[in-house]
């Protein structure tokens, strides 16, 4: 799903639409006993930005930073208790949330959609100064945009509250990122996410150096199993009455240690009354296309041969062969890879411009894919084993 749009500032919890923020009651030392009895002595009555801690507290913070970081901050130490102005929070600053202290090490960056390497200033890499554990801090950032899906125009927006709610519901589920929500002094819900070490599914597939036929017969079988497990996790989320909201290839991380496919980033929501799970389902179709095709195959990539027929196909392509979501992406992969089973190709065609019927629930798609998996195992794969991300 494209992530463009424009920022829309919304009131935070504890903030009226017209008046100033009301600060929440502090809970000093709840998580960080080291500073108990000391934090409450320094209070910024307006909560407007960073403050410099007293010398005794700064010395203890620096001691912790030295213990858990190779690079101690230079100059005065800035502690943020209000994260509203996230652009002002820089590396080596400290964020305090409900008595816990986090050292900011930098920002996460965009990896796709023409924004490669662009910093996401509202998503901070941080170290917990209580135990040195690495975390991702997702600060409050609001944006909205309109997504076009065929003739449908769907409003999409960020909702920190939705992500906080889902984090509670998927606690302990192996296929979802884990974390908690802590509030800053202004009432902003900051999602404190446990860092997952590993590559994205997008990076993994693009990094495979082998031709498609060998990939499909030798590597795809194991990938298919793991993709199915990740789809079943989305179905579980839907049964909870929730949506992921931004189902993309780079929102599955393959955990290095376990090989698990784990979903990240639940803060997008959308408004589509007729198909409440529709955007998620088209996202799953896009991931399936990427997995089966070992990447995407577009009009430009296919190239045109004699008579307007793509050089890689034996018959002409029509608009119906392409994605409803991304009109330049080929869904009818059997036209370029005839060894792909018809049953698997049939599932892909539910997401094409020529489809007359669409999936309404993830369980329907998953049931079809389990049937495809059994057919592929008997007729195509013949027990081949691969490396689906381990």
Protein backbone atom coordinates (compact mmCIF):
# COMPACT_ATOMS: atom_id res chain seq x y z
CA UNK A 1 0.00 0.00 0.00
CA UNK A 2 1.37 3.37 -0.88
CA UNK A 3 2.29 5.49 2.08
CA UNK A 4 2.10 8.98 0.66
CA UNK A 5 -0.26 11.61 1.93
CA UNK A 6 -0.31 14.69 4.07
CA UNK A 7 0.05 15.10 7.80
CA UNK A 8 -3.06 15.79 9.84
CA UNK A 9 -2.37 16.78 13.42
CA UNK A 10 -4.93 15.31 15.78
CA UNK A 11 -5.45 16.02 19.49
CA UNK A 12 -3.58 13.69 21.81
CA UNK A 13 -5.09 12.02 24.83
CA UNK A 14 -5.45 14.66 27.52
CA UNK A 15 -5.62 17.50 24.96
CA UNK A 16 -8.70 19.41 23.92
CA UNK A 17 -9.16 20.58 20.35
CA UNK A 18 -8.90 24.22 21.35
CA UNK A 19 -7.05 24.32 24.63
CA UNK A 20 -3.57 23.41 25.85
CA UNK A 21 -2.53 19.94 26.91
CA UNK A 22 -3.27 18.78 30.41
CA UNK A 23 -0.33 16.87 31.78
CA UNK A 24 -0.91 13.40 33.11
CA UNK A 25 0.02 12.54 36.64
CA UNK A 26 3.61 11.31 36.84
CA UNK A 27 4.58 7.89 38.10
CA UNK A 28 8.24 8.38 38.98
CA UNK A 29 10.38 5.32 39.39
CA UNK A 30 7.69 2.81 38.49
CA UNK A 31 9.99 0.95 36.11
CA UNK A 32 13.35 2.47 36.91
CA UNK A 33 14.08 2.32 40.68
CA UNK A 34 17.50 3.85 40.13
CA UNK A 35 15.92 7.30 39.87
CA UNK A 36 13.09 6.92 42.36
CA UNK A 37 12.65 9.96 44.54
CA UNK A 38 14.75 12.05 42.18
CA UNK A 39 12.66 12.40 39.04
CA UNK A 40 9.80 14.18 40.78
CA UNK A 41 12.11 16.95 41.94
CA UNK A 42 12.51 18.20 38.36
CA UNK A 43 9.24 19.14 36.69
CA UNK A 44 8.65 21.08 33.50
CA UNK A 45 5.25 22.68 34.25
CA UNK A 46 4.41 23.17 30.57
CA UNK A 47 5.85 19.93 29.20
CA UNK A 48 7.08 21.79 26.13
CA UNK A 49 10.28 20.00 25.33
CA UNK A 50 13.62 18.68 26.49
CA UNK A 51 15.06 19.64 29.83
CA UNK A 52 18.50 19.21 31.31
CA UNK A 53 18.55 16.91 34.35
CA UNK A 54 20.23 17.98 37.60
CA UNK A 55 23.87 17.02 37.90
CA UNK A 56 23.27 14.03 40.20
CA UNK A 57 20.63 12.52 37.92
CA UNK A 58 22.66 13.27 34.79
CA UNK A 59 25.66 11.46 36.24
CA UNK A 60 23.54 8.34 36.84
CA UNK A 61 22.02 8.52 33.37
CA UNK A 62 25.47 8.86 31.83
CA UNK A 63 26.65 5.86 33.83
CA UNK A 64 23.81 3.79 32.41
CA UNK A 65 24.46 5.07 28.90
CA UNK A 66 28.12 4.17 29.23
CA UNK A 67 27.16 0.67 30.37
CA UNK A 68 24.84 -0.03 27.43
CA UNK A 69 26.32 2.05 24.63
CA UNK A 70 29.74 2.25 23.04
CA UNK A 71 29.34 5.97 22.43
CA UNK A 72 28.56 8.26 25.34
CA UNK A 73 26.63 11.44 24.42
CA UNK A 74 28.68 14.59 24.17
CA UNK A 75 27.60 17.91 25.63
CA UNK A 76 24.61 18.38 27.91
CA UNK A 77 22.12 15.53 28.18
CA UNK A 78 18.62 16.29 26.90
CA UNK A 79 15.67 14.36 28.33
CA UNK A 80 12.30 14.47 26.53
CA UNK A 81 9.11 13.86 28.46
CA UNK A 82 6.85 15.19 25.69
CA UNK A 83 7.37 13.53 22.30
CA UNK A 84 4.89 15.65 20.31
CA UNK A 85 7.66 17.51 18.47
CA UNK A 86 9.45 14.36 17.34
CA UNK A 87 11.58 16.25 14.83
CA UNK A 88 13.37 17.84 17.80
CA UNK A 89 14.35 14.47 19.29
CA UNK A 90 17.86 13.65 18.09
CA UNK A 91 20.36 10.81 18.54
CA UNK A 92 21.91 10.74 22.05
CA UNK A 93 18.78 12.33 23.54
CA UNK A 94 16.86 10.43 26.22
CA UNK A 95 13.10 9.84 26.19
CA UNK A 96 11.34 9.28 29.50
CA UNK A 97 8.09 7.29 29.47
CA UNK A 98 6.31 6.44 32.72
CA UNK A 99 9.58 6.32 34.63
CA UNK A 100 11.48 4.33 32.00
CA UNK A 101 14.39 5.92 30.15
CA UNK A 102 15.36 5.21 26.54
CA UNK A 103 18.52 6.41 24.80
CA UNK A 104 17.79 7.43 21.21
CA UNK A 105 20.31 6.02 18.72
CA UNK A 106 18.73 7.17 15.45
CA UNK A 107 15.67 6.82 13.22
CA UNK A 108 14.29 4.01 11.12
CA UNK A 109 14.11 4.68 7.38
CA UNK A 110 11.73 3.95 4.53
CA UNK A 111 12.74 1.04 2.35
CA UNK A 112 10.41 1.24 -0.63
CA UNK A 113 8.01 3.22 -2.83
CA UNK A 114 10.60 5.70 -4.05
CA UNK A 115 11.43 6.80 -0.50
CA UNK A 116 14.43 4.49 -0.01
CA UNK A 117 16.60 5.72 2.83
CA UNK A 118 14.26 8.57 3.83
CA UNK A 119 14.29 8.80 7.65
CA UNK A 120 11.06 8.20 9.54
CA UNK A 121 11.57 10.80 12.25
CA UNK A 122 8.62 9.50 14.29
CA UNK A 123 10.18 6.02 14.56
CA UNK A 124 13.23 6.03 16.81
CA UNK A 125 15.81 3.31 17.41
CA UNK A 126 16.48 3.25 21.13
CA UNK A 127 18.11 1.37 23.99
CA UNK A 128 16.30 0.73 27.26
CA UNK A 129 18.57 2.13 29.97
CA UNK A 130 17.17 -0.33 32.48
CA UNK A 131 18.52 -3.47 30.81
CA UNK A 132 20.17 -2.41 27.54
CA UNK A 133 17.54 -4.09 25.36
CA UNK A 134 17.10 -2.60 21.86
CA UNK A 135 13.67 -1.20 21.05
CA UNK A 136 11.81 0.71 18.38
CA UNK A 137 9.87 3.71 19.73
CA UNK A 138 6.93 4.63 17.51
CA UNK A 139 5.89 8.18 18.33
CA UNK A 140 2.53 9.71 17.46
CA UNK A 141 2.32 10.76 13.81
CA UNK A 142 -0.95 11.35 11.96
CA UNK A 143 -1.46 11.24 8.22
CA UNK A 144 -4.28 10.39 5.86
CA UNK A 145 -4.52 9.65 2.15
CA UNK A 146 -6.93 8.27 -0.42
CA UNK A 147 -6.13 4.90 -1.98
CA UNK A 148 -7.70 3.92 -5.30
CA UNK A 149 -8.60 0.26 -5.79
CA UNK A 150 -10.34 -0.18 -9.13
CA UNK A 151 -13.24 2.27 -8.94
CA UNK A 152 -13.13 2.38 -5.15
CA UNK A 153 -11.67 5.37 -3.33
CA UNK A 154 -10.71 4.33 0.20
CA UNK A 155 -9.64 6.67 2.98
CA UNK A 156 -6.57 5.39 4.84
CA UNK A 157 -5.07 6.92 7.97
CA UNK A 158 -2.68 6.27 10.84
CA UNK A 159 -4.10 5.34 14.23
CA UNK A 160 -1.62 4.93 17.12
CA UNK A 161 -4.52 3.82 19.33
CA UNK A 162 -5.34 0.97 16.92
CA UNK A 163 -1.75 -0.25 16.99
CA UNK A 164 -1.71 -0.10 20.79
CA UNK A 165 -4.91 -2.13 20.93
CA UNK A 166 -3.57 -4.79 18.56
CA UNK A 167 -0.31 -5.08 20.51
CA UNK A 168 -2.38 -6.06 23.53
CA UNK A 169 -4.46 -8.58 21.57
CA UNK A 170 -1.51 -10.35 19.89
CA UNK A 171 0.65 -10.50 22.99
CA UNK A 172 2.62 -13.75 22.86
CA UNK A 173 1.64 -14.60 19.26
CA UNK A 174 4.81 -15.71 17.44
CA UNK A 175 3.83 -14.23 14.06
CA UNK A 176 3.39 -10.65 15.26
CA UNK A 177 5.80 -8.06 16.58
CA UNK A 178 5.60 -7.61 20.35
CA UNK A 179 5.54 -4.48 22.45
CA UNK A 180 3.75 -2.29 24.97
CA UNK A 181 2.34 1.23 24.96
CA UNK A 182 3.74 3.80 27.37
CA UNK A 183 2.49 7.38 27.64
CA UNK A 184 4.55 10.53 27.72
CA UNK A 185 3.71 13.60 29.81
CA UNK A 186 1.43 15.00 27.09
CA UNK A 187 -0.57 11.78 26.88
CA UNK A 188 0.92 10.60 23.59
CA UNK A 189 0.76 6.79 23.24
CA UNK A 190 4.31 5.69 22.43
CA UNK A 191 4.57 2.12 21.20
CA UNK A 192 7.69 0.46 22.61
CA UNK A 193 8.45 -2.39 20.21
CA UNK A 194 10.84 -5.30 20.75
CA UNK A 195 13.36 -5.23 17.93
CA UNK A 196 13.22 -8.15 15.48
CA UNK A 197 16.57 -9.04 13.96
CA UNK A 198 16.33 -10.23 10.39
CA UNK A 199 15.59 -9.25 6.81
CA UNK A 200 12.21 -8.38 5.36
CA UNK A 201 10.45 -10.86 3.09
CA UNK A 202 10.91 -8.32 0.29
CA UNK A 203 14.68 -8.25 0.80
CA UNK A 204 14.91 -12.02 1.15
CA UNK A 205 13.14 -12.83 -2.12
CA UNK A 206 15.01 -10.15 -4.06
CA UNK A 207 18.29 -11.52 -2.71
CA UNK A 208 17.81 -15.02 -4.16
CA UNK A 209 20.20 -15.60 -7.07
CA UNK A 210 18.66 -18.40 -9.13
CA UNK A 211 16.34 -18.73 -12.11
CA UNK A 212 12.59 -18.91 -11.57
CA UNK A 213 12.10 -22.58 -12.48
CA UNK A 214 14.72 -23.75 -10.01
CA UNK A 215 13.36 -21.34 -7.39
CA UNK A 216 9.80 -22.57 -7.84
CA UNK A 217 10.67 -26.25 -7.66
CA UNK A 218 13.35 -26.19 -4.96
CA UNK A 219 12.93 -23.12 -2.75
CA UNK A 220 9.30 -22.05 -3.06
CA UNK A 221 7.79 -25.13 -1.31
CA UNK A 222 9.18 -24.11 2.10
CA UNK A 223 8.43 -20.44 1.46
CA UNK A 224 4.85 -21.41 0.59
CA UNK A 225 4.47 -23.12 3.99
CA UNK A 226 5.73 -20.06 5.86
CA UNK A 227 3.71 -17.60 3.81
CA UNK A 228 0.60 -19.65 4.55
CA UNK A 229 1.36 -19.51 8.29
CA UNK A 230 1.70 -15.74 8.10
CA UNK A 231 -1.62 -15.50 6.22
CA UNK A 232 -3.27 -17.58 8.95
CA UNK A 233 -1.98 -15.04 11.49
CA UNK A 234 -3.81 -12.29 9.57
CA UNK A 235 -6.96 -14.43 9.63
CA UNK A 236 -6.55 -14.68 13.41
CA UNK A 237 -6.34 -10.89 13.58
CA UNK A 238 -9.53 -10.58 11.53
CA UNK A 239 -11.35 -12.96 13.87
CA UNK A 240 -10.40 -10.57 16.68
CA UNK A 241 -12.27 -7.85 14.79
CA UNK A 242 -9.06 -6.09 13.76
CA UNK A 243 -7.24 -5.38 10.51
CA UNK A 244 -3.54 -5.06 9.85
CA UNK A 245 -4.11 -2.11 7.54
CA UNK A 246 -0.80 -2.14 5.64
CA UNK A 247 -0.11 -5.68 4.41
CA UNK A 248 3.11 -5.46 2.38
CA UNK A 249 6.11 -7.59 1.53
CA UNK A 250 8.38 -5.43 3.67
CA UNK A 251 6.03 -5.69 6.65
CA UNK A 252 6.95 -9.33 7.13
CA UNK A 253 10.29 -9.73 8.88
CA UNK A 254 12.02 -13.11 8.80
CA UNK A 255 13.48 -13.53 12.27
CA UNK A 256 17.10 -14.54 11.90
CA UNK A 257 17.25 -16.89 14.88
CA UNK A 258 13.98 -18.78 14.35
CA UNK A 259 13.08 -18.31 10.67
CA UNK A 260 9.59 -17.16 11.73
CA UNK A 261 7.72 -14.79 9.43
CA UNK A 262 6.54 -11.95 11.71
CA UNK A 263 4.20 -9.08 10.91
CA UNK A 264 5.16 -5.52 11.85
CA UNK A 265 3.50 -2.07 11.76
CA UNK A 266 -0.21 -2.17 12.62
CA UNK A 267 -0.89 1.57 12.80
CA UNK A 268 -2.70 2.01 9.48
CA UNK A 269 -6.49 1.79 9.30
CA UNK A 270 -8.92 2.31 6.44
CA UNK A 271 -12.61 2.97 5.82
CA UNK A 272 -14.26 0.47 3.47
CA UNK A 273 -17.66 -0.51 4.83
CA UNK A 274 -18.57 -2.87 1.99
CA UNK A 275 -15.36 -4.91 2.36
CA UNK A 276 -14.00 -4.43 5.90
CA UNK A 277 -11.09 -6.82 5.28
CA UNK A 278 -10.69 -5.99 1.59
CA UNK A 279 -7.49 -3.95 1.68
CA UNK A 280 -5.77 -6.58 3.83
CA UNK A 281 -6.87 -9.30 1.40
CA UNK A 282 -5.49 -7.45 -1.61
CA UNK A 283 -2.27 -7.05 0.34
CA UNK A 284 -2.15 -10.82 0.88
CA UNK A 285 -2.73 -11.34 -2.84
CA UNK A 286 0.17 -9.03 -3.59
CA UNK A 287 2.46 -10.99 -1.24
CA UNK A 288 1.38 -14.28 -2.83
CA UNK A 289 2.13 -12.85 -6.28
CA UNK A 290 5.58 -11.75 -5.12
CA UNK A 291 6.29 -15.18 -3.60
CA UNK A 292 5.07 -17.25 -6.56
CA UNK A 293 6.72 -15.03 -9.16
CA UNK A 294 9.99 -14.54 -7.25
CA UNK A 295 9.33 -10.84 -7.52
CA UNK A 296 6.94 -8.75 -9.59
CA UNK A 297 6.71 -8.89 -13.38
CA UNK A 298 5.57 -5.67 -15.01
CA UNK A 299 4.80 -4.59 -18.56
CA UNK A 300 8.13 -2.79 -18.78
CA UNK A 301 10.06 -5.83 -17.56
CA UNK A 302 8.36 -8.26 -19.94
CA UNK A 303 9.31 -6.38 -23.09
CA UNK A 304 7.34 -6.57 -26.32
CA UNK A 305 8.07 -8.95 -29.16
CA UNK A 306 6.64 -9.31 -32.65
CA UNK A 307 2.97 -8.44 -33.06
CA UNK A 308 2.75 -6.80 -29.66
CA UNK A 309 3.15 -10.12 -27.83
CA UNK A 310 5.59 -9.99 -24.87
CA UNK A 311 8.79 -11.83 -25.69
CA UNK A 312 8.35 -14.13 -22.66
CA UNK A 313 4.82 -15.29 -23.53
CA UNK A 314 3.33 -17.45 -26.24
CA UNK A 315 0.03 -15.56 -26.35
CA UNK A 316 -1.03 -11.92 -26.04
CA UNK A 317 -1.64 -10.32 -22.68
CA UNK A 318 -4.81 -8.37 -21.93
CA UNK A 319 -5.74 -5.88 -19.23
CA UNK A 320 -7.56 -8.72 -17.43
CA UNK A 321 -4.21 -10.47 -16.85
CA UNK A 322 -2.94 -7.64 -14.64
CA UNK A 323 -3.52 -6.61 -11.04
CA UNK A 324 -6.56 -4.58 -10.05
CA UNK A 325 -4.46 -2.97 -7.30
CA UNK A 326 -1.31 -2.31 -9.39
CA UNK A 327 -2.39 -2.28 -13.07
CA UNK A 328 1.16 -2.77 -14.41
CA UNK A 329 1.80 -6.01 -12.44
CA UNK A 330 1.09 -9.30 -14.18
CA UNK A 331 -1.17 -11.63 -12.14
CA UNK A 332 -1.58 -14.34 -14.77
CA UNK A 333 1.87 -15.83 -14.18
CA UNK A 334 1.11 -19.02 -16.12
CA UNK A 335 1.52 -16.99 -19.30
CA UNK A 336 5.23 -16.59 -18.57
CA UNK A 337 5.79 -19.61 -16.27
CA UNK A 338 3.59 -22.44 -17.65
CA UNK A 339 4.81 -24.90 -15.00
CA UNK A 340 2.93 -22.96 -12.28
CA UNK A 341 -0.11 -25.14 -11.43
CA UNK A 342 -3.43 -23.84 -12.67
CA UNK A 343 -4.94 -24.09 -9.17
CA UNK A 344 -2.33 -21.71 -7.75
CA UNK A 345 -2.62 -19.35 -10.71
CA UNK A 346 -6.39 -19.38 -10.21
CA UNK A 347 -5.99 -17.93 -6.70
CA UNK A 348 -3.83 -15.13 -8.09
CA UNK A 349 -6.48 -14.31 -10.69
CA UNK A 350 -8.97 -13.40 -7.92
CA UNK A 351 -6.90 -10.20 -7.59
CA UNK A 352 -6.76 -9.39 -11.31
CA UNK A 353 -8.62 -6.70 -13.23
CA UNK A 354 -10.62 -9.42 -14.96
CA UNK A 355 -11.94 -10.98 -11.73
CA UNK A 356 -15.70 -11.00 -11.30
CA UNK A 357 -15.62 -12.53 -7.82
CA UNK A 358 -13.31 -11.55 -4.95
CA UNK A 359 -12.38 -13.10 -1.63
CA UNK A 360 -14.31 -11.61 1.28
CA UNK A 361 -12.47 -13.35 4.12
CA UNK A 362 -8.91 -14.53 4.62
CA UNK A 363 -10.14 -18.02 5.52
CA UNK A 364 -11.52 -18.48 1.98
CA UNK A 365 -8.17 -17.67 0.42
CA UNK A 366 -6.27 -19.81 2.94
CA UNK A 367 -8.52 -22.83 2.30
CA UNK A 368 -7.85 -22.55 -1.45
CA UNK A 369 -4.11 -22.23 -0.83
CA UNK A 370 -4.03 -25.34 1.37
CA UNK A 371 -5.70 -27.22 -1.48
CA UNK A 372 -3.09 -25.80 -3.88
CA UNK A 373 -0.30 -26.84 -1.55
CA UNK A 374 -1.45 -30.46 -1.52
CA UNK A 375 -1.79 -30.53 -5.31
CA UNK A 376 1.65 -28.96 -5.75
CA UNK A 377 3.19 -31.43 -3.33
CA UNK A 378 1.83 -34.41 -5.27
CA UNK A 379 2.15 -33.12 -8.83
CA UNK A 380 4.95 -30.54 -8.91
CA UNK A 381 7.29 -30.40 -5.93
CA UNK A 382 7.68 -34.17 -5.37
CA UNK A 383 9.03 -33.65 -1.85
CA UNK A 384 11.65 -31.03 -2.77
CA UNK A 385 13.04 -29.03 0.12
CA UNK A 386 14.21 -25.43 0.12
CA UNK A 387 15.43 -22.62 2.32
CA UNK A 388 12.44 -20.44 3.13
CA UNK A 389 14.30 -17.85 5.11
CA UNK A 390 16.41 -19.80 7.58
